[in-house]
Amino acid sequence: MARVLREQRPLYIIAPSLWQCREAALAHGLDPETLENTRSITSAYQLRGTRPGTPFITHRRENWVRSMPGIYELDQAIDLLTRTGRLRVAGDDDIAAARGEQLEARA
């Protein structure tokens, strides 16, 4: 019987600008120069096609200026996709995988 390996979901780094995506990565202990299997998301449109259970990180989301064009929509899309299970807050294993590390299974 052939074993089918699950494709790993990319880690979404979500922020209103690429600079803020970089700051979010740094805030979570990630080096933006060496990330593996990540995707920077700066608009609600880029979240189309998100598969269930995709991990994400943000930083200082409460400080995003929602009056700026597109940011309110991005914030609302994150809330909706989280409630429907398409997005989930990244755990330690997701962040370690983005670094290229493997966490050992806990006993």
Protein backbone atom coordinates (compact mmCIF):
# COMPACT_ATOMS: atom_id res chain seq x y z
CA MET A 1 0.00 0.00 0.00
CA ALA A 2 1.41 3.38 -0.96
CA ARG A 3 1.65 6.03 1.69
CA VAL A 4 0.41 9.44 0.66
CA LEU A 5 2.18 12.31 2.41
CA ARG A 6 0.12 15.34 3.35
CA GLU A 7 1.21 18.50 1.65
CA GLN A 8 2.32 21.03 4.24
CA ARG A 9 0.27 24.21 4.38
CA PRO A 10 2.21 27.45 3.93
CA LEU A 11 2.48 29.83 6.87
CA TYR A 12 0.64 33.05 6.03
CA ILE A 13 2.20 36.26 7.32
CA ILE A 14 -0.66 38.76 7.19
CA ALA A 15 -0.23 42.54 7.46
CA PRO A 16 -1.27 45.67 5.50
CA SER A 17 2.17 46.09 3.89
CA LEU A 18 5.23 43.98 3.10
CA TRP A 19 7.23 45.97 5.64
CA GLN A 20 4.71 45.06 8.34
CA CYS A 21 4.84 41.42 7.19
CA ARG A 22 8.59 41.56 7.78
CA GLU A 23 8.04 43.05 11.24
CA ALA A 24 5.50 40.30 12.03
CA ALA A 25 8.00 37.63 11.04
CA LEU A 26 10.69 39.19 13.24
CA ALA A 27 8.25 39.52 16.16
CA HIS A 28 7.61 35.77 15.97
CA GLY A 29 11.32 34.94 15.89
CA LEU A 30 11.51 34.29 12.16
CA ASP A 31 14.30 35.52 9.89
CA PRO A 32 12.64 36.92 6.74
CA GLU A 33 15.75 36.09 4.70
CA THR A 34 15.64 32.34 5.41
CA LEU A 35 11.92 31.51 5.65
CA GLU A 36 10.60 28.33 4.07
CA ASN A 37 7.05 27.70 2.87
CA THR A 38 5.61 31.10 3.79
CA ARG A 39 3.44 33.63 2.00
CA SER A 40 3.10 37.33 2.74
CA ILE A 41 -0.52 38.51 2.50
CA THR A 42 -1.28 42.23 2.23
CA SER A 43 -4.86 42.27 0.90
CA ALA A 44 -8.10 40.38 1.38
CA TYR A 45 -8.01 39.36 -2.29
CA GLN A 46 -4.83 37.37 -1.69
CA LEU A 47 -6.70 35.17 0.79
CA ARG A 48 -8.92 33.67 -1.91
CA GLY A 49 -8.51 29.92 -2.21
CA THR A 50 -7.25 29.50 1.36
CA ARG A 51 -7.56 25.85 2.31
CA PRO A 52 -8.95 24.77 5.68
CA GLY A 53 -6.48 24.84 8.57
CA THR A 54 -3.93 27.22 7.05
CA PRO A 55 -1.77 28.72 9.84
CA PHE A 56 -1.17 32.46 10.02
CA ILE A 57 0.63 35.09 12.06
CA THR A 58 0.11 38.84 12.40
CA HIS A 59 1.64 41.50 14.59
CA ARG A 60 -0.04 44.49 16.24
CA ARG A 61 -3.26 43.91 14.36
CA GLU A 62 -5.11 46.16 16.77
CA ASN A 63 -2.98 49.08 15.53
CA TRP A 64 -3.81 48.70 11.86
CA VAL A 65 -5.42 51.90 10.57
CA ARG A 66 -8.76 50.56 9.41
CA SER A 67 -9.67 53.77 7.62
CA MET A 68 -6.93 53.15 5.04
CA PRO A 69 -8.11 51.55 1.78
CA GLY A 70 -8.24 47.75 1.93
CA ILE A 71 -7.25 47.30 5.56
CA TYR A 72 -10.79 47.01 6.90
CA GLU A 73 -11.51 44.34 4.27
CA LEU A 74 -8.31 42.47 5.19
CA ASP A 75 -9.21 42.52 8.88
CA GLN A 76 -12.76 41.32 8.18
CA ALA A 77 -11.49 38.54 5.88
CA ILE A 78 -9.14 37.29 8.62
CA ASP A 79 -12.04 37.18 11.10
CA LEU A 80 -14.35 35.39 8.67
CA LEU A 81 -11.77 32.81 7.58
CA THR A 82 -10.80 32.13 11.19
CA ARG A 83 -14.44 31.59 12.22
CA THR A 84 -15.02 29.21 9.29
CA GLY A 85 -11.83 27.21 9.97
CA ARG A 86 -9.90 28.15 6.86
CA LEU A 87 -7.35 30.10 8.91
CA ARG A 88 -5.96 29.20 12.32
CA VAL A 89 -3.43 30.94 14.55
CA ALA A 90 0.00 29.39 13.97
CA GLY A 91 1.41 27.18 16.68
CA ASP A 92 5.02 26.56 17.67
CA ASP A 93 5.29 23.67 15.22
CA ASP A 94 4.13 25.87 12.31
CA ILE A 95 6.68 28.56 13.18
CA ALA A 96 9.45 25.97 13.57
CA ALA A 97 8.57 24.51 10.17
CA ALA A 98 8.87 27.99 8.62
CA ARG A 99 12.39 28.15 10.08
CA GLY A 100 13.13 24.79 8.49
CA GLU A 101 13.21 22.99 11.84
CA GLN A 102 11.36 19.91 12.98
CA LEU A 103 9.94 19.76 16.49
CA GLU A 104 10.31 16.40 18.20
CA ALA A 105 7.08 14.63 19.04
CA ARG A 106 6.09 15.07 22.67
CA ALA A 107 5.71 11.89 24.71
